[in-house]
Amino acid sequence: MQDTDCDTTAEASIRRLAAVPDQIEDTVVITDLQGDIIYVNPAMERRSGYTADELIGQNPRVQKSGSHPEEFYRELWDTLLAGETFRGDFINRNKDGSLRYEEKTISPIRDESGEITCFAATGRDVTDRRAAEQALADLEQFAFSASHDLQTPLRSIARYVQMLDRRYADQLDERAREYIQRAVAGSKSMETLLHSLLEYFSVGSRGEEYRPTDTREVVDDVIEGLSTSLVEAGAEIVRSGLPVVTADGTQLRQVFHNLIDNAVKFRGEEPLRIEVSAECHDHVWAFSVQDNGIGIEPEYHDQIFGIFKRLHGGGQYPGTGAGLALCMRIIERHRGRMWVDSGPGAGSCFCFSLPA
């Protein structure tokens, strides 16, 4: 490593980093106050394709991909010169021309008097993850478009079959009319399934912005919307500890609606009781919707969150089997997770977490 004008604090930082094992996967770059590179670790050489000699003395923009506007770099420098840490997603160009995606943290390094002497950046390569996310996004867009486009011909099939029934009703026997009814019912059922698919695949791309959301108000709104079925079920609902969280309120309403509606749908012989509550642990809100319904066998706890996975066939219970999959997808979009604690005849407790 060549000599630099950086003071002893920066030199000490470089010596410590140089002692880190070469196998470390995160890239490390140190720049002086003018932004020129004074140190790179072996991971940076491996990832970028540049040698240390090619990078030292250069501005980090030697890897510039053209993917970031100038405002991005102005915000970066404004943050660093204010003595704060900058965190952001970077798209850099490697020596061979390929792109590298990194989650990068850049921090000011200070001497004993508190003066900033240089800047240290660590980056985690997320290129493979971004590629997988893009492939998934493309697949979701295809599924969304296909689901949307298939609805029109399905409606046409149902309409023409019904026209056939009306025009030739006096010429059709009972079996023919039964076939027509089944064809119409099948078309409508398929249309319902496609609508569920559209909802499922639009969670990420068509969601609303996150805003402060009072979950008690959301639950109250859901209870009002389900009031008829709740009254018919003689349901008692208890709410406790429901907080304000930062979320997509519309999607959060879908989650509570599906969970409470399922509690009504799969109730047992005892008077229905539903408890909706939340507790905060380690900066995470844990919500639960507990009922005293028919419960779920433990071996099916994972299966029920799959799209169109139903445990009860034959039209015993209404629905498409997409509700819990939709809930899971919404909670994952909010960087949370979802699970169930249940047993046959012991009711079900559906739980999900949200960042506090």
Protein backbone atom coordinates (compact mmCIF):
# COMPACT_ATOMS: atom_id res chain seq x y z
CA MET A 1 0.00 0.00 0.00
CA GLN A 2 1.41 3.39 -1.00
CA ASP A 3 2.08 6.21 1.47
CA THR A 4 -0.73 8.71 2.01
CA ASP A 5 -1.19 12.05 3.73
CA CYS A 6 -3.91 10.64 5.96
CA ASP A 7 -3.19 11.14 9.67
CA THR A 8 -2.44 8.46 12.23
CA THR A 9 -6.13 7.76 12.95
CA ALA A 10 -6.76 6.74 9.35
CA GLU A 11 -3.51 4.79 9.22
CA ALA A 12 -4.48 2.92 12.38
CA SER A 13 -7.86 2.07 10.85
CA ILE A 14 -6.16 0.77 7.74
CA ARG A 15 -3.78 -1.38 9.77
CA ARG A 16 -6.69 -2.91 11.67
CA LEU A 17 -8.59 -3.63 8.46
CA ALA A 18 -5.50 -5.09 6.80
CA ALA A 19 -5.35 -7.62 9.63
CA VAL A 20 -8.84 -8.90 8.87
CA PRO A 21 -8.76 -12.33 7.17
CA ASP A 22 -8.71 -12.19 3.38
CA GLN A 23 -11.76 -14.44 3.22
CA ILE A 24 -14.14 -11.72 4.46
CA GLU A 25 -16.96 -11.31 1.93
CA ASP A 26 -17.88 -7.67 2.57
CA THR A 27 -15.97 -5.04 0.62
CA VAL A 28 -14.12 -2.32 2.57
CA VAL A 29 -13.00 0.98 1.06
CA ILE A 30 -11.42 3.93 2.91
CA THR A 31 -11.24 7.37 1.32
CA ASP A 32 -9.62 10.61 2.42
CA LEU A 33 -11.58 13.81 3.03
CA GLN A 34 -11.48 14.63 -0.68
CA GLY A 35 -13.02 11.28 -1.52
CA ASP A 36 -9.92 9.63 -2.99
CA ILE A 37 -9.39 5.95 -2.20
CA ILE A 38 -6.55 5.20 0.22
CA TYR A 39 -7.36 1.56 1.06
CA VAL A 40 -9.34 -1.38 -0.33
CA ASN A 41 -9.54 -4.87 1.17
CA PRO A 42 -9.03 -8.10 -0.81
CA ALA A 43 -12.81 -8.63 -1.09
CA MET A 44 -13.06 -5.34 -2.96
CA GLU A 45 -10.44 -6.55 -5.43
CA ARG A 46 -12.22 -9.88 -5.88
CA ARG A 47 -15.65 -8.32 -6.32
CA SER A 48 -14.75 -5.43 -8.61
CA GLY A 49 -12.01 -7.05 -10.68
CA TYR A 50 -9.73 -4.08 -10.00
CA THR A 51 -6.43 -4.44 -8.16
CA ALA A 52 -5.62 -2.27 -5.15
CA ASP A 53 -3.03 -0.39 -7.22
CA GLU A 54 -5.68 0.43 -9.82
CA LEU A 55 -8.09 1.79 -7.21
CA ILE A 56 -5.89 3.62 -4.70
CA GLY A 57 -5.71 7.28 -5.57
CA GLN A 58 -8.90 7.07 -7.63
CA ASN A 59 -12.32 8.42 -6.75
CA PRO A 60 -14.87 5.63 -5.99
CA ARG A 61 -16.81 6.89 -8.99
CA VAL A 62 -14.33 4.97 -11.13
CA GLN A 63 -16.97 2.23 -10.68
CA LYS A 64 -19.86 4.55 -11.55
CA SER A 65 -22.60 2.74 -13.48
CA GLY A 66 -24.73 5.73 -14.37
CA SER A 67 -27.63 4.29 -12.38
CA HIS A 68 -27.69 7.00 -9.71
CA PRO A 69 -28.69 10.67 -10.20
CA GLU A 70 -26.38 13.43 -9.02
CA GLU A 71 -28.81 14.11 -6.16
CA PHE A 72 -27.89 10.68 -4.76
CA TYR A 73 -24.21 11.64 -4.46
CA ARG A 74 -25.03 15.11 -3.10
CA GLU A 75 -27.11 13.53 -0.34
CA LEU A 76 -24.26 11.10 0.37
CA TRP A 77 -21.71 13.88 0.84
CA ASP A 78 -24.09 16.15 2.76
CA THR A 79 -24.67 13.27 5.20
CA LEU A 80 -20.98 12.42 5.63
CA LEU A 81 -19.79 16.01 6.01
CA ALA A 82 -22.45 16.49 8.68
CA GLY A 83 -20.67 13.72 10.59
CA GLU A 84 -23.42 11.14 10.07
CA THR A 85 -23.46 7.64 8.60
CA PHE A 86 -24.88 7.14 5.11
CA ARG A 87 -26.64 3.91 4.18
CA GLY A 88 -27.82 3.16 0.68
CA ASP A 89 -28.10 0.72 -2.19
CA PHE A 90 -25.36 1.15 -4.80
CA ILE A 91 -25.14 -0.12 -8.36
CA ASN A 92 -21.47 -0.15 -9.40
CA ARG A 93 -19.78 -1.25 -12.59
CA ASN A 94 -17.00 -3.84 -12.32
CA LYS A 95 -13.84 -3.72 -14.39
CA ASP A 96 -15.29 -6.23 -16.88
CA GLY A 97 -18.37 -4.06 -17.38
CA SER A 98 -20.80 -6.16 -15.34
CA LEU A 99 -22.93 -4.53 -12.64
CA ARG A 100 -22.54 -5.15 -8.91
CA TYR A 101 -25.34 -4.41 -6.44
CA GLU A 102 -24.26 -3.54 -2.91
CA GLU A 103 -25.90 -2.54 0.34
CA LYS A 104 -23.33 -0.04 1.56
CA THR A 105 -22.68 1.74 4.85
CA ILE A 106 -20.31 4.73 4.81
CA SER A 107 -19.16 6.24 8.11
CA PRO A 108 -16.88 9.13 9.10
CA ILE A 109 -13.70 8.12 10.98
CA ARG A 110 -12.63 10.56 13.71
CA ASP A 111 -9.40 11.14 15.59
CA GLU A 112 -9.11 11.51 19.37
CA SER A 113 -10.12 15.17 19.19
CA GLY A 114 -13.29 14.30 17.31
CA GLU A 115 -12.14 15.62 13.93
CA ILE A 116 -13.16 13.65 10.86
CA THR A 117 -10.04 12.29 9.17
CA CYS A 118 -11.41 9.93 6.51
CA PHE A 119 -14.43 7.82 5.53
CA ALA A 120 -14.84 4.04 5.71
CA ALA A 121 -17.33 2.18 3.51
CA THR A 122 -18.40 -1.42 3.90
CA GLY A 123 -20.51 -3.11 1.24
CA ARG A 124 -22.46 -6.34 1.10
CA ASP A 125 -22.85 -7.82 -2.36
CA VAL A 126 -26.53 -8.50 -3.11
CA THR A 127 -26.20 -9.00 -6.88
CA ASP A 128 -27.54 -12.57 -6.82
CA ARG A 129 -30.42 -11.58 -4.58
CA ARG A 130 -31.35 -8.65 -6.83
CA ALA A 131 -31.29 -10.93 -9.86
CA ALA A 132 -33.60 -13.39 -8.09
CA GLU A 133 -35.91 -10.55 -7.04
CA GLN A 134 -36.05 -9.26 -10.60
CA ALA A 135 -36.81 -12.73 -11.96
CA LEU A 136 -39.57 -13.11 -9.37
CA ALA A 137 -40.96 -9.68 -10.24
CA ASP A 138 -41.03 -10.61 -13.94
CA LEU A 139 -42.79 -13.88 -13.11
CA GLU A 140 -45.33 -12.07 -10.95
CA GLN A 141 -46.00 -9.53 -13.70
CA PHE A 142 -46.58 -12.36 -16.17
CA ALA A 143 -48.94 -14.14 -13.78
CA PHE A 144 -50.79 -10.88 -13.08
CA SER A 145 -51.21 -10.13 -16.79
CA ALA A 146 -52.26 -13.70 -17.58
CA SER A 147 -54.81 -13.72 -14.75
CA HIS A 148 -56.22 -10.39 -15.90
CA ASP A 149 -56.39 -11.37 -19.58
CA LEU A 150 -58.07 -14.72 -18.88
CA GLN A 151 -61.04 -13.11 -17.15
CA THR A 152 -62.51 -11.71 -20.37
CA PRO A 153 -62.77 -15.01 -22.29
CA LEU A 154 -64.15 -16.70 -19.18
CA ARG A 155 -66.95 -14.14 -18.97
CA SER A 156 -67.64 -14.68 -22.67
CA ILE A 157 -67.89 -18.44 -22.19
CA ALA A 158 -70.34 -18.05 -19.32
CA ARG A 159 -72.42 -15.49 -21.26
CA TYR A 160 -72.70 -17.62 -24.41
CA VAL A 161 -73.56 -20.77 -22.47
CA GLN A 162 -76.34 -18.85 -20.68
CA MET A 163 -77.59 -17.54 -24.05
CA LEU A 164 -77.62 -21.12 -25.31
CA ASP A 165 -79.73 -22.12 -22.32
CA ARG A 166 -82.24 -19.30 -22.85
CA ARG A 167 -82.60 -19.74 -26.62
CA TYR A 168 -82.87 -23.52 -26.72
CA ALA A 169 -84.36 -24.21 -23.29
CA ASP A 170 -87.45 -25.93 -24.74
CA GLN A 171 -85.25 -28.25 -26.81
CA LEU A 172 -82.93 -29.33 -23.99
CA ASP A 173 -83.52 -32.23 -21.66
CA GLU A 174 -82.80 -32.13 -17.94
CA ARG A 175 -79.27 -33.54 -18.34
CA ALA A 176 -78.33 -30.90 -20.93
CA ARG A 177 -79.56 -28.10 -18.65
CA GLU A 178 -77.53 -29.60 -15.79
CA TYR A 179 -74.42 -29.55 -17.98
CA ILE A 180 -75.05 -25.90 -18.84
CA GLN A 181 -75.45 -25.00 -15.17
CA ARG A 182 -72.19 -26.77 -14.36
CA ALA A 183 -70.39 -24.97 -17.19
CA VAL A 184 -71.62 -21.58 -15.95
CA ALA A 185 -70.74 -22.40 -12.34
CA GLY A 186 -67.28 -23.59 -13.40
CA SER A 187 -66.64 -20.38 -15.35
CA LYS A 188 -67.68 -18.24 -12.41
CA SER A 189 -65.54 -20.30 -10.04
CA MET A 190 -62.55 -19.91 -12.34
CA GLU A 191 -63.15 -16.16 -12.52
CA THR A 192 -63.16 -16.01 -8.72
CA LEU A 193 -59.86 -17.90 -8.60
CA LEU A 194 -58.32 -15.53 -11.14
CA HIS A 195 -59.47 -12.55 -9.09
CA SER A 196 -57.74 -14.09 -6.05
CA LEU A 197 -54.57 -14.52 -8.10
CA LEU A 198 -54.72 -10.86 -9.15
CA GLU A 199 -54.98 -9.82 -5.51
CA TYR A 200 -52.10 -12.10 -4.54
CA PHE A 201 -49.69 -10.90 -7.22
CA SER A 202 -50.55 -7.22 -6.79
CA VAL A 203 -49.56 -7.07 -3.11
CA GLY A 204 -46.04 -5.78 -3.78
CA SER A 205 -46.47 -3.83 -6.99
CA ARG A 206 -49.78 -2.13 -6.25
CA GLY A 207 -49.63 -1.56 -2.51
CA GLU A 208 -50.03 1.86 -0.94
CA GLU A 209 -47.38 3.85 0.92
CA TYR A 210 -46.70 3.03 4.56
CA ARG A 211 -48.29 5.51 6.94
CA PRO A 212 -49.00 5.62 10.70
CA THR A 213 -51.95 3.25 11.08
CA ASP A 214 -54.06 2.75 14.19
CA THR A 215 -54.63 -1.00 14.24
CA ARG A 216 -57.51 -0.68 16.70
CA GLU A 217 -59.36 1.50 14.22
CA VAL A 218 -58.55 -1.01 11.47
CA VAL A 219 -59.96 -3.89 13.54
CA ASP A 220 -63.06 -1.86 14.46
CA ASP A 221 -63.64 -1.19 10.76
CA VAL A 222 -63.29 -4.89 9.95
CA ILE A 223 -65.73 -5.84 12.72
CA GLU A 224 -68.25 -3.32 11.36
CA GLY A 225 -67.91 -4.80 7.87
CA LEU A 226 -68.42 -8.34 9.20
CA SER A 227 -71.15 -7.37 11.66
CA THR A 228 -73.88 -9.47 10.03
CA SER A 229 -71.92 -12.73 10.08
CA LEU A 230 -70.54 -11.98 13.56
CA VAL A 231 -74.04 -11.42 14.94
CA GLU A 232 -75.30 -14.59 13.28
CA ALA A 233 -72.43 -16.51 14.89
CA GLY A 234 -73.13 -14.92 18.29
CA ALA A 235 -69.46 -13.92 18.39
CA GLU A 236 -67.79 -12.19 21.32
CA ILE A 237 -64.76 -10.12 20.31
CA VAL A 238 -62.10 -8.91 22.74
CA ARG A 239 -59.41 -6.38 21.72
CA SER A 240 -56.35 -5.38 23.72
CA GLY A 241 -53.07 -3.54 23.27
CA LEU A 242 -53.56 -2.69 19.58
CA PRO A 243 -50.95 -0.05 18.65
CA VAL A 244 -50.26 2.49 15.94
CA VAL A 245 -47.81 1.03 13.40
CA THR A 246 -46.29 2.21 10.14
CA ALA A 247 -48.03 0.15 7.48
CA ASP A 248 -50.20 -0.01 4.39
CA GLY A 249 -53.54 0.41 6.13
CA THR A 250 -55.57 -1.09 3.29
CA GLN A 251 -53.50 -4.26 3.21
CA LEU A 252 -53.46 -4.54 6.99
CA ARG A 253 -57.24 -4.37 6.89
CA GLN A 254 -57.23 -7.33 4.47
CA VAL A 255 -55.17 -9.35 6.95
CA PHE A 256 -57.48 -8.74 9.90
CA HIS A 257 -60.57 -9.23 7.70
CA ASN A 258 -59.38 -12.64 6.49
CA LEU A 259 -58.35 -13.82 9.94
CA ILE A 260 -61.56 -12.74 11.68
CA ASP A 261 -63.70 -14.02 8.81
CA ASN A 262 -61.90 -17.39 9.04
CA ALA A 263 -62.65 -17.52 12.77
CA VAL A 264 -66.36 -17.14 11.94
CA LYS A 265 -66.18 -19.60 9.07
CA PHE A 266 -64.39 -22.36 11.00
CA ARG A 267 -66.15 -21.98 14.35
CA GLY A 268 -67.07 -24.92 16.51
CA GLU A 269 -70.18 -25.75 18.52
CA GLU A 270 -69.24 -23.53 21.47
CA PRO A 271 -70.20 -19.81 21.39
CA LEU A 272 -67.58 -18.09 19.25
CA ARG A 273 -64.96 -16.00 21.05
CA ILE A 274 -62.29 -14.04 19.18
CA GLU A 275 -59.39 -12.26 20.89
CA VAL A 276 -57.36 -9.71 18.90
CA SER A 277 -54.27 -8.45 20.73
CA ALA A 278 -50.70 -7.21 20.34
CA GLU A 279 -47.54 -7.10 22.44
CA CYS A 280 -44.18 -5.44 21.77
CA HIS A 281 -40.94 -7.37 22.27
CA ASP A 282 -37.45 -6.26 21.13
CA HIS A 283 -38.77 -3.56 18.78
CA VAL A 284 -41.25 -5.95 17.15
CA TRP A 285 -45.03 -5.95 17.49
CA ALA A 286 -46.51 -9.45 17.75
CA PHE A 287 -50.21 -9.53 16.81
CA SER A 288 -52.52 -12.46 17.44
CA VAL A 289 -56.06 -13.37 16.40
CA GLN A 290 -57.19 -16.24 18.58
CA ASP A 291 -60.46 -18.18 18.36
CA ASN A 292 -62.05 -21.24 19.93
CA GLY A 293 -62.98 -22.89 16.63
CA ILE A 294 -62.42 -26.32 15.13
CA GLY A 295 -58.63 -25.94 15.02
CA ILE A 296 -56.02 -27.30 12.63
CA GLU A 297 -53.92 -30.45 12.74
CA PRO A 298 -50.22 -29.57 13.37
CA GLU A 299 -49.07 -31.27 10.15
CA TYR A 300 -51.09 -28.75 8.14
CA HIS A 301 -49.75 -25.58 9.81
CA ASP A 302 -47.39 -24.77 6.95
CA GLN A 303 -49.63 -26.02 4.17
CA ILE A 304 -52.50 -23.64 4.91
CA PHE A 305 -50.39 -20.61 3.93
CA GLY A 306 -49.93 -21.90 0.38
CA ILE A 307 -51.98 -20.39 -2.45
CA PHE A 308 -55.27 -22.30 -2.99
CA LYS A 309 -54.41 -24.81 -0.24
CA ARG A 310 -57.65 -25.98 1.37
CA LEU A 311 -58.04 -28.56 4.09
CA HIS A 312 -61.79 -28.95 3.59
CA GLY A 313 -63.08 -29.92 0.16
CA GLY A 314 -66.45 -30.56 -1.31
CA GLY A 315 -67.76 -27.04 -0.73
CA GLN A 316 -68.02 -27.63 3.02
CA TYR A 317 -66.70 -24.12 3.65
CA PRO A 318 -66.87 -21.15 1.25
CA GLY A 319 -63.79 -19.47 -0.21
CA THR A 320 -60.96 -20.12 -2.66
CA GLY A 321 -58.21 -21.05 -0.20
CA ALA A 322 -56.17 -17.96 -1.10
CA GLY A 323 -56.93 -15.85 1.99
CA LEU A 324 -54.08 -17.00 4.25
CA ALA A 325 -51.58 -16.95 1.37
CA LEU A 326 -52.58 -13.34 0.74
CA CYS A 327 -52.15 -12.51 4.45
CA MET A 328 -48.69 -14.11 4.50
CA ARG A 329 -47.65 -12.15 1.42
CA ILE A 330 -48.84 -8.86 2.90
CA ILE A 331 -47.00 -9.44 6.17
CA GLU A 332 -43.81 -10.40 4.32
CA ARG A 333 -44.08 -7.17 2.33
CA HIS A 334 -44.10 -5.38 5.70
CA ARG A 335 -40.88 -7.22 6.72
CA GLY A 336 -42.73 -9.40 9.20
CA ARG A 337 -43.58 -13.07 9.45
CA MET A 338 -46.74 -15.09 10.06
CA TRP A 339 -47.47 -18.38 11.78
CA VAL A 340 -50.23 -20.34 13.50
CA ASP A 341 -50.55 -22.19 16.79
CA SER A 342 -53.47 -24.63 16.67
CA GLY A 343 -54.74 -28.13 17.33
CA PRO A 344 -57.88 -30.05 16.45
CA GLY A 345 -60.74 -28.93 18.67
CA ALA A 346 -58.45 -26.44 20.47
CA GLY A 347 -59.06 -23.36 18.36
CA SER A 348 -56.48 -21.43 16.36
CA CYS A 349 -54.17 -18.54 17.16
CA PHE A 350 -52.91 -16.81 14.01
CA CYS A 351 -49.94 -14.59 14.75
CA PHE A 352 -47.92 -12.10 12.73
CA SER A 353 -45.13 -9.66 13.47
CA LEU A 354 -44.51 -6.08 12.35
CA PRO A 355 -41.50 -3.85 13.02
CA ALA A 356 -42.18 -1.42 15.85
